[in-house]
Amino acid sequence: MSLTDIIVNEHHIAVGSFIAVNMLFYALKAAVYPFQKHREELKREGINVDYTLLRNITLLPTPFDLIYFLSYKAASYFEKTAGSITKDNSEI
């Protein structure tokens, strides 16, 4: 097995694991959402739902959200630095 095969296999495992973790996050949020939405109806039926826990679960950022946020911050940083470089040097 060559080094390229090992790298490709490890990459597939990493990407698959990343997607699986994201699916678990979204499944957790989807399972909690009906309880959060119908909390008042559940209270009338005598079922007490801890709203803070539900709210915190639905507000959890998924790894996709974190990557999007970090790439947005990096892009805005590079846009600012590239703009300052071109303003300082008129030849570029």
PDB file of N, CA and C in Angstrom:
ATOM      1  N   MET A   1       0.850  -1.175   0.000  1.00  0.00           N
ATOM      2  CA  MET A   1       0.000   0.000   0.000  1.00  0.00           C
ATOM      3  C   MET A   1       0.899   1.243   0.000  1.00  0.00           C
ATOM      4  N   SER A   2       0.657   2.119  -0.941  1.00  0.00           N
ATOM      5  CA  SER A   2       1.507   3.303  -1.060  1.00  0.00           C
ATOM      6  C   SER A   2       1.058   4.389  -0.082  1.00  0.00           C
ATOM      7  N   LEU A   3       1.897   5.381   0.048  1.00  0.00           N
ATOM      8  CA  LEU A   3       1.599   6.504   0.935  1.00  0.00           C
ATOM      9  C   LEU A   3       0.358   7.255   0.463  1.00  0.00           C
ATOM     10  N   THR A   4       0.184   7.373  -0.841  1.00  0.00           N
ATOM     11  CA  THR A   4      -0.995   8.055  -1.387  1.00  0.00           C
ATOM     12  C   THR A   4      -2.276   7.324  -1.007  1.00  0.00           C
ATOM     13  N   ASP A   5      -2.254   5.992  -1.084  1.00  0.00           N
ATOM     14  CA  ASP A   5      -3.433   5.206  -0.696  1.00  0.00           C
ATOM     15  C   ASP A   5      -3.776   5.411   0.774  1.00  0.00           C
ATOM     16  N   ILE A   6      -2.759   5.444   1.618  1.00  0.00           N
ATOM     17  CA  ILE A   6      -2.985   5.648   3.052  1.00  0.00           C
ATOM     18  C   ILE A   6      -3.584   7.027   3.300  1.00  0.00           C
ATOM     19  N   ILE A   7      -3.035   8.043   2.640  1.00  0.00           N
ATOM     20  CA  ILE A   7      -3.548   9.406   2.822  1.00  0.00           C
ATOM     21  C   ILE A   7      -4.993   9.506   2.353  1.00  0.00           C
ATOM     22  N   VAL A   8      -5.301   8.918   1.208  1.00  0.00           N
ATOM     23  CA  VAL A   8      -6.668   8.965   0.679  1.00  0.00           C
ATOM     24  C   VAL A   8      -7.626   8.243   1.618  1.00  0.00           C
ATOM     25  N   ASN A   9      -7.213   7.066   2.121  1.00  0.00           N
ATOM     26  CA  ASN A   9      -8.079   6.326   3.038  1.00  0.00           C
ATOM     27  C   ASN A   9      -8.313   7.097   4.325  1.00  0.00           C
ATOM     28  N   GLU A  10      -7.272   7.697   4.878  1.00  0.00           N
ATOM     29  CA  GLU A  10      -7.423   8.488   6.098  1.00  0.00           C
ATOM     30  C   GLU A  10      -8.316   9.698   5.844  1.00  0.00           C
ATOM     31  N   HIS A  11      -8.200  10.286   4.672  1.00  0.00           N
ATOM     32  CA  HIS A  11      -9.032  11.439   4.328  1.00  0.00           C
ATOM     33  C   HIS A  11     -10.497  11.034   4.271  1.00  0.00           C
ATOM     34  N   HIS A  12     -10.782   9.881   3.665  1.00  0.00           N
ATOM     35  CA  HIS A  12     -12.166   9.415   3.597  1.00  0.00           C
ATOM     36  C   HIS A  12     -12.724   9.127   4.986  1.00  0.00           C
ATOM     37  N   ILE A  13     -11.914   8.563   5.853  1.00  0.00           N
ATOM     38  CA  ILE A  13     -12.357   8.294   7.222  1.00  0.00           C
ATOM     39  C   ILE A  13     -12.643   9.604   7.945  1.00  0.00           C
ATOM     40  N   ALA A  14     -11.767  10.592   7.778  1.00  0.00           N
ATOM     41  CA  ALA A  14     -11.957  11.878   8.449  1.00  0.00           C
ATOM     42  C   ALA A  14     -13.206  12.584   7.943  1.00  0.00           C
ATOM     43  N   VAL A  15     -13.407  12.600   6.643  1.00  0.00           N
ATOM     44  CA  VAL A  15     -14.586  13.267   6.073  1.00  0.00           C
ATOM     45  C   VAL A  15     -15.859  12.540   6.491  1.00  0.00           C
ATOM     46  N   GLY A  16     -15.837  11.220   6.459  1.00  0.00           N
ATOM     47  CA  GLY A  16     -17.005  10.452   6.883  1.00  0.00           C
ATOM     48  C   GLY A  16     -17.342  10.676   8.344  1.00  0.00           C
ATOM     49  N   SER A  17     -16.324  10.737   9.187  1.00  0.00           N
ATOM     50  CA  SER A  17     -16.553  11.000  10.610  1.00  0.00           C
ATOM     51  C   SER A  17     -17.115  12.395  10.821  1.00  0.00           C
ATOM     52  N   PHE A  18     -16.597  13.358  10.093  1.00  0.00           N
ATOM     53  CA  PHE A  18     -17.080  14.735  10.204  1.00  0.00           C
ATOM     54  C   PHE A  18     -18.551  14.823   9.814  1.00  0.00           C
ATOM     55  N   ILE A  19     -18.918  14.164   8.724  1.00  0.00           N
ATOM     56  CA  ILE A  19     -20.315  14.183   8.280  1.00  0.00           C
ATOM     57  C   ILE A  19     -21.200  13.457   9.291  1.00  0.00           C
ATOM     58  N   ALA A  20     -20.722  12.362   9.853  1.00  0.00           N
ATOM     59  CA  ALA A  20     -21.511  11.624  10.840  1.00  0.00           C
ATOM     60  C   ALA A  20     -21.753  12.462  12.093  1.00  0.00           C
ATOM     61  N   VAL A  21     -20.737  13.186  12.543  1.00  0.00           N
ATOM     62  CA  VAL A  21     -20.905  14.050  13.716  1.00  0.00           C
ATOM     63  C   VAL A  21     -21.921  15.142  13.425  1.00  0.00           C
ATOM     64  N   ASN A  22     -21.860  15.735  12.244  1.00  0.00           N
ATOM     65  CA  ASN A  22     -22.840  16.759  11.886  1.00  0.00           C
ATOM     66  C   ASN A  22     -24.249  16.190  11.842  1.00  0.00           C
ATOM     67  N   MET A  23     -24.393  14.985  11.314  1.00  0.00           N
ATOM     68  CA  MET A  23     -25.718  14.364  11.261  1.00  0.00           C
ATOM     69  C   MET A  23     -26.251  14.110  12.665  1.00  0.00           C
ATOM     70  N   LEU A  24     -25.378  13.735  13.594  1.00  0.00           N
ATOM     71  CA  LEU A  24     -25.818  13.544  14.975  1.00  0.00           C
ATOM     72  C   LEU A  24     -26.282  14.857  15.594  1.00  0.00           C
ATOM     73  N   PHE A  25     -25.562  15.937  15.336  1.00  0.00           N
ATOM     74  CA  PHE A  25     -25.974  17.248  15.844  1.00  0.00           C
ATOM     75  C   PHE A  25     -27.349  17.624  15.300  1.00  0.00           C
ATOM     76  N   TYR A  26     -27.533  17.471  13.992  1.00  0.00           N
ATOM     77  CA  TYR A  26     -28.814  17.839  13.389  1.00  0.00           C
ATOM     78  C   TYR A  26     -29.936  16.922  13.867  1.00  0.00           C
ATOM     79  N   ALA A  27     -29.646  15.642  14.086  1.00  0.00           N
ATOM     80  CA  ALA A  27     -30.666  14.728  14.603  1.00  0.00           C
ATOM     81  C   ALA A  27     -31.069  15.115  16.022  1.00  0.00           C
ATOM     82  N   LEU A  28     -30.103  15.512  16.828  1.00  0.00           N
ATOM     83  CA  LEU A  28     -30.405  15.958  18.188  1.00  0.00           C
ATOM     84  C   LEU A  28     -31.271  17.202  18.168  1.00  0.00           C
ATOM     85  N   LYS A  29     -30.920  18.156  17.310  1.00  0.00           N
ATOM     86  CA  LYS A  29     -31.726  19.371  17.201  1.00  0.00           C
ATOM     87  C   LYS A  29     -33.130  19.059  16.697  1.00  0.00           C
ATOM     88  N   ALA A  30     -33.236  18.155  15.741  1.00  0.00           N
ATOM     89  CA  ALA A  30     -34.550  17.804  15.199  1.00  0.00           C
ATOM     90  C   ALA A  30     -35.397  17.074  16.236  1.00  0.00           C
ATOM     91  N   ALA A  31     -34.770  16.275  17.087  1.00  0.00           N
ATOM     92  CA  ALA A  31     -35.517  15.562  18.120  1.00  0.00           C
ATOM     93  C   ALA A  31     -36.013  16.509  19.207  1.00  0.00           C
ATOM     94  N   VAL A  32     -35.269  17.564  19.471  1.00  0.00           N
ATOM     95  CA  VAL A  32     -35.622  18.498  20.539  1.00  0.00           C
ATOM     96  C   VAL A  32     -36.635  19.536  20.072  1.00  0.00           C
ATOM     97  N   TYR A  33     -36.630  19.875  18.799  1.00  0.00           N
ATOM     98  CA  TYR A  33     -37.453  20.980  18.294  1.00  0.00           C
ATOM     99  C   TYR A  33     -38.940  20.840  18.599  1.00  0.00           C
ATOM    100  N   PRO A  34     -39.573  19.682  18.398  1.00  0.00           N
ATOM    101  CA  PRO A  34     -41.010  19.605  18.705  1.00  0.00           C
ATOM    102  C   PRO A  34     -41.323  19.877  20.172  1.00  0.00           C
ATOM    103  N   PHE A  35     -40.443  19.432  21.069  1.00  0.00           N
ATOM    104  CA  PHE A  35     -40.669  19.697  22.485  1.00  0.00           C
ATOM    105  C   PHE A  35     -40.565  21.184  22.782  1.00  0.00           C
ATOM    106  N   GLN A  36     -39.625  21.848  22.130  1.00  0.00           N
ATOM    107  CA  GLN A  36     -39.466  23.278  22.344  1.00  0.00           C
ATOM    108  C   GLN A  36     -40.666  24.029  21.774  1.00  0.00           C
ATOM    109  N   LYS A  37     -41.142  23.618  20.633  1.00  0.00           N
ATOM    110  CA  LYS A  37     -42.236  24.320  19.975  1.00  0.00           C
ATOM    111  C   LYS A  37     -43.553  24.141  20.728  1.00  0.00           C
ATOM    112  N   HIS A  38     -43.799  22.959  21.229  1.00  0.00           N
ATOM    113  CA  HIS A  38     -45.083  22.658  21.863  1.00  0.00           C
ATOM    114  C   HIS A  38     -44.961  22.576  23.383  1.00  0.00           C
ATOM    115  N   ARG A  39     -44.077  23.364  23.945  1.00  0.00           N
ATOM    116  CA  ARG A  39     -43.831  23.320  25.384  1.00  0.00           C
ATOM    117  C   ARG A  39     -45.073  23.682  26.181  1.00  0.00           C
ATOM    118  N   GLU A  40     -45.800  24.710  25.738  1.00  0.00           N
ATOM    119  CA  GLU A  40     -47.004  25.131  26.453  1.00  0.00           C
ATOM    120  C   GLU A  40     -48.073  24.041  26.426  1.00  0.00           C
ATOM    121  N   GLU A  41     -48.221  23.372  25.298  1.00  0.00           N
ATOM    122  CA  GLU A  41     -49.196  22.283  25.210  1.00  0.00           C
ATOM    123  C   GLU A  41     -48.807  21.134  26.139  1.00  0.00           C
ATOM    124  N   LEU A  42     -47.523  20.853  26.218  1.00  0.00           N
ATOM    125  CA  LEU A  42     -47.070  19.787  27.106  1.00  0.00           C
ATOM    126  C   LEU A  42     -47.287  20.158  28.566  1.00  0.00           C
ATOM    127  N   LYS A  43     -47.110  21.439  28.908  1.00  0.00           N
ATOM    128  CA  LYS A  43     -47.347  21.876  30.282  1.00  0.00           C
ATOM    129  C   LYS A  43     -48.808  21.674  30.663  1.00  0.00           C
ATOM    130  N   ARG A  44     -49.717  21.961  29.739  1.00  0.00           N
ATOM    131  CA  ARG A  44     -51.142  21.785  30.026  1.00  0.00           C
ATOM    132  C   ARG A  44     -51.481  20.324  30.278  1.00  0.00           C
ATOM    133  N   GLU A  45     -50.739  19.435  29.644  1.00  0.00           N
ATOM    134  CA  GLU A  45     -50.982  18.004  29.833  1.00  0.00           C
ATOM    135  C   GLU A  45     -50.255  17.448  31.053  1.00  0.00           C
ATOM    136  N   GLY A  46     -49.505  18.287  31.743  1.00  0.00           N
ATOM    137  CA  GLY A  46     -48.821  17.860  32.957  1.00  0.00           C
ATOM    138  C   GLY A  46     -47.411  17.360  32.739  1.00  0.00           C
ATOM    139  N   ILE A  47     -46.886  17.525  31.541  1.00  0.00           N
ATOM    140  CA  ILE A  47     -45.511  17.103  31.255  1.00  0.00           C
ATOM    141  C   ILE A  47     -44.620  18.330  31.385  1.00  0.00           C
ATOM    142  N   ASN A  48     -43.691  18.282  32.329  1.00  0.00           N
ATOM    143  CA  ASN A  48     -42.805  19.419  32.559  1.00  0.00           C
ATOM    144  C   ASN A  48     -41.538  19.241  31.728  1.00  0.00           C
ATOM    145  N   VAL A  49     -41.246  20.227  30.904  1.00  0.00           N
ATOM    146  CA  VAL A  49     -40.073  20.174  30.038  1.00  0.00           C
ATOM    147  C   VAL A  49     -39.119  21.287  30.460  1.00  0.00           C
ATOM    148  N   ASP A  50     -37.866  20.929  30.695  1.00  0.00           N
ATOM    149  CA  ASP A  50     -36.865  21.926  31.071  1.00  0.00           C
ATOM    150  C   ASP A  50     -36.495  22.729  29.832  1.00  0.00           C
ATOM    151  N   TYR A  51     -36.980  23.945  29.779  1.00  0.00           N
ATOM    152  CA  TYR A  51     -36.809  24.757  28.578  1.00  0.00           C
ATOM    153  C   TYR A  51     -35.361  25.185  28.376  1.00  0.00           C
ATOM    154  N   THR A  52     -34.629  25.442  29.459  1.00  0.00           N
ATOM    155  CA  THR A  52     -33.250  25.916  29.291  1.00  0.00           C
ATOM    156  C   THR A  52     -32.383  24.846  28.631  1.00  0.00           C
ATOM    157  N   LEU A  53     -32.588  23.592  29.008  1.00  0.00           N
ATOM    158  CA  LEU A  53     -31.817  22.515  28.383  1.00  0.00           C
ATOM    159  C   LEU A  53     -32.166  22.400  26.903  1.00  0.00           C
ATOM    160  N   LEU A  54     -33.465  22.466  26.600  1.00  0.00           N
ATOM    161  CA  LEU A  54     -33.880  22.375  25.197  1.00  0.00           C
ATOM    162  C   LEU A  54     -33.333  23.538  24.386  1.00  0.00           C
ATOM    163  N   ARG A  55     -33.396  24.730  24.954  1.00  0.00           N
ATOM    164  CA  ARG A  55     -32.908  25.909  24.239  1.00  0.00           C
ATOM    165  C   ARG A  55     -31.406  25.796  24.002  1.00  0.00           C
ATOM    166  N   ASN A  56     -30.682  25.328  24.998  1.00  0.00           N
ATOM    167  CA  ASN A  56     -29.236  25.187  24.846  1.00  0.00           C
ATOM    168  C   ASN A  56     -28.879  24.139  23.799  1.00  0.00           C
ATOM    169  N   ILE A  57     -29.648  23.063  23.731  1.00  0.00           N
ATOM    170  CA  ILE A  57     -29.372  22.033  22.726  1.00  0.00           C
ATOM    171  C   ILE A  57     -29.617  22.584  21.330  1.00  0.00           C
ATOM    172  N   THR A  58     -30.708  23.327  21.153  1.00  0.00           N
ATOM    173  CA  THR A  58     -31.002  23.840  19.813  1.00  0.00           C
ATOM    174  C   THR A  58     -30.048  24.955  19.415  1.00  0.00           C
ATOM    175  N   LEU A  59     -29.399  25.588  20.384  1.00  0.00           N
ATOM    176  CA  LEU A  59     -28.447  26.654  20.061  1.00  0.00           C
ATOM    177  C   LEU A  59     -27.026  26.145  19.866  1.00  0.00           C
ATOM    178  N   LEU A  60     -26.796  24.851  20.052  1.00  0.00           N
ATOM    179  CA  LEU A  60     -25.451  24.309  19.859  1.00  0.00           C
ATOM    180  C   LEU A  60     -24.997  24.515  18.417  1.00  0.00           C
ATOM    181  N   PRO A  61     -23.814  25.050  18.237  1.00  0.00           N
ATOM    182  CA  PRO A  61     -23.321  25.151  16.856  1.00  0.00           C
ATOM    183  C   PRO A  61     -22.820  23.790  16.386  1.00  0.00           C
ATOM    184  N   THR A  62     -23.141  23.454  15.172  1.00  0.00           N
ATOM    185  CA  THR A  62     -22.630  22.212  14.598  1.00  0.00           C
ATOM    186  C   THR A  62     -21.217  22.471  14.077  1.00  0.00           C
ATOM    187  N   PRO A  63     -20.448  21.438  13.832  1.00  0.00           N
ATOM    188  CA  PRO A  63     -19.123  21.659  13.247  1.00  0.00           C
ATOM    189  C   PRO A  63     -19.173  22.412  11.915  1.00  0.00           C
ATOM    190  N   PHE A  64     -20.238  22.201  11.109  1.00  0.00           N
ATOM    191  CA  PHE A  64     -20.387  22.979   9.879  1.00  0.00           C
ATOM    192  C   PHE A  64     -20.509  24.468  10.192  1.00  0.00           C
ATOM    193  N   ASP A  65     -21.283  24.794  11.242  1.00  0.00           N
ATOM    194  CA  ASP A  65     -21.437  26.193  11.637  1.00  0.00           C
ATOM    195  C   ASP A  65     -20.100  26.791  12.059  1.00  0.00           C
ATOM    196  N   LEU A  66     -19.325  26.022  12.804  1.00  0.00           N
ATOM    197  CA  LEU A  66     -18.026  26.522  13.261  1.00  0.00           C
ATOM    198  C   LEU A  66     -17.073  26.750  12.090  1.00  0.00           C
ATOM    199  N   ILE A  67     -17.058  25.830  11.137  1.00  0.00           N
ATOM    200  CA  ILE A  67     -16.186  26.000   9.967  1.00  0.00           C
ATOM    201  C   ILE A  67     -16.630  27.204   9.145  1.00  0.00           C
ATOM    202  N   TYR A  68     -17.943  27.373   8.981  1.00  0.00           N
ATOM    203  CA  TYR A  68     -18.460  28.533   8.246  1.00  0.00           C
ATOM    204  C   TYR A  68     -18.047  29.824   8.944  1.00  0.00           C
ATOM    205  N   PHE A  69     -18.189  29.872  10.261  1.00  0.00           N
ATOM    206  CA  PHE A  69     -17.836  31.071  11.021  1.00  0.00           C
ATOM    207  C   PHE A  69     -16.345  31.374  10.893  1.00  0.00           C
ATOM    208  N   LEU A  70     -15.511  30.354  11.057  1.00  0.00           N
ATOM    209  CA  LEU A  70     -14.068  30.575  10.973  1.00  0.00           C
ATOM    210  C   LEU A  70     -13.639  30.982   9.568  1.00  0.00           C
ATOM    211  N   SER A  71     -14.238  30.381   8.541  1.00  0.00           N
ATOM    212  CA  SER A  71     -13.874  30.768   7.175  1.00  0.00           C
ATOM    213  C   SER A  71     -14.348  32.184   6.871  1.00  0.00           C
ATOM    214  N   TYR A  72     -15.495  32.576   7.407  1.00  0.00           N
ATOM    215  CA  TYR A  72     -15.980  33.947   7.226  1.00  0.00           C
ATOM    216  C   TYR A  72     -15.036  34.939   7.894  1.00  0.00           C
ATOM    217  N   LYS A  73     -14.604  34.630   9.118  1.00  0.00           N
ATOM    218  CA  LYS A  73     -13.669  35.510   9.827  1.00  0.00           C
ATOM    219  C   LYS A  73     -12.334  35.587   9.086  1.00  0.00           C
ATOM    220  N   ALA A  74     -11.854  34.454   8.599  1.00  0.00           N
ATOM    221  CA  ALA A  74     -10.584  34.448   7.868  1.00  0.00           C
ATOM    222  C   ALA A  74     -10.707  35.243   6.578  1.00  0.00           C
ATOM    223  N   ALA A  75     -11.828  35.090   5.872  1.00  0.00           N
ATOM    224  CA  ALA A  75     -12.015  35.826   4.621  1.00  0.00           C
ATOM    225  C   ALA A  75     -12.088  37.322   4.872  1.00  0.00           C
ATOM    226  N   SER A  76     -12.784  37.732   5.927  1.00  0.00           N
ATOM    227  CA  SER A  76     -12.867  39.167   6.210  1.00  0.00           C
ATOM    228  C   SER A  76     -11.502  39.711   6.636  1.00  0.00           C
ATOM    229  N   TYR A  77     -10.722  38.906   7.377  1.00  0.00           N
ATOM    230  CA  TYR A  77      -9.383  39.342   7.768  1.00  0.00           C
ATOM    231  C   TYR A  77      -8.492  39.507   6.542  1.00  0.00           C
ATOM    232  N   PHE A  78      -8.497  38.512   5.646  1.00  0.00           N
ATOM    233  CA  PHE A  78      -7.653  38.596   4.458  1.00  0.00           C
ATOM    234  C   PHE A  78      -8.115  39.708   3.524  1.00  0.00           C
ATOM    235  N   GLU A  79      -9.403  39.966   3.496  1.00  0.00           N
ATOM    236  CA  GLU A  79      -9.907  41.064   2.677  1.00  0.00           C
ATOM    237  C   GLU A  79      -9.401  42.405   3.207  1.00  0.00           C
ATOM    238  N   LYS A  80      -9.381  42.551   4.524  1.00  0.00           N
ATOM    239  CA  LYS A  80      -8.873  43.792   5.125  1.00  0.00           C
ATOM    240  C   LYS A  80      -7.377  43.946   4.877  1.00  0.00           C
ATOM    241  N   THR A  81      -6.620  42.855   5.082  1.00  0.00           N
ATOM    242  CA  THR A  81      -5.171  42.965   4.904  1.00  0.00           C
ATOM    243  C   THR A  81      -4.812  43.157   3.439  1.00  0.00           C
ATOM    244  N   ALA A  82      -5.519  42.495   2.537  1.00  0.00           N
ATOM    245  CA  ALA A  82      -5.239  42.674   1.109  1.00  0.00           C
ATOM    246  C   ALA A  82      -5.585  44.088   0.676  1.00  0.00           C
ATOM    247  N   GLY A  83      -6.658  44.633   1.219  1.00  0.00           N
ATOM    248  CA  GLY A  83      -7.025  46.009   0.888  1.00  0.00           C
ATOM    249  C   GLY A  83      -5.979  46.994   1.371  1.00  0.00           C
ATOM    250  N   SER A  84      -5.416  46.758   2.556  1.00  0.00           N
ATOM    251  CA  SER A  84      -4.407  47.679   3.069  1.00  0.00           C
ATOM    252  C   SER A  84      -3.112  47.563   2.277  1.00  0.00           C
ATOM    253  N   ILE A  85      -2.787  46.367   1.810  1.00  0.00           N
ATOM    254  CA  ILE A  85      -1.573  46.201   1.011  1.00  0.00           C
ATOM    255  C   ILE A  85      -1.719  46.940  -0.318  1.00  0.00           C
ATOM    256  N   THR A  86      -2.861  46.808  -0.976  1.00  0.00           N
ATOM    257  CA  THR A  86      -3.028  47.469  -2.272  1.00  0.00           C
ATOM    258  C   THR A  86      -3.138  48.973  -2.118  1.00  0.00           C
ATOM    259  N   LYS A  87      -3.634  49.457  -0.999  1.00  0.00           N
ATOM    260  CA  LYS A  87      -3.714  50.904  -0.796  1.00  0.00           C
ATOM    261  C   LYS A  87      -2.328  51.496  -0.535  1.00  0.00           C
ATOM    262  N   ASP A  88      -1.473  50.736   0.168  1.00  0.00           N
ATOM    263  CA  ASP A  88      -0.141  51.244   0.480  1.00  0.00           C
ATOM    264  C   ASP A  88       0.777  51.208  -0.732  1.00  0.00           C
ATOM    265  N   ASN A  89       0.657  50.199  -1.560  1.00  0.00           N
ATOM    266  CA  ASN A  89       1.556  50.029  -2.687  1.00  0.00           C
ATOM    267  C   ASN A  89       0.759  50.242  -3.969  1.00  0.00           C
ATOM    268  N   SER A  90       1.048  51.296  -4.678  1.00  0.00           N
ATOM    269  CA  SER A  90       0.249  51.634  -5.858  1.00  0.00           C
ATOM    270  C   SER A  90       0.574  50.746  -7.059  1.00  0.00           C
ATOM    271  N   GLU A  91       1.697  50.018  -7.037  1.00  0.00           N
ATOM    272  CA  GLU A  91       2.059  49.177  -8.174  1.00  0.00           C
ATOM    273  C   GLU A  91       1.238  47.895  -8.239  1.00  0.00           C
ATOM    274  N   ILE A  92       0.718  47.448  -7.119  1.00  0.00           N
ATOM    275  CA  ILE A  92      -0.030  46.181  -7.102  1.00  0.00           C
ATOM    276  C   ILE A  92      -1.432  46.411  -7.597  1.00  0.00           C
TER     277      ILE A  92
END
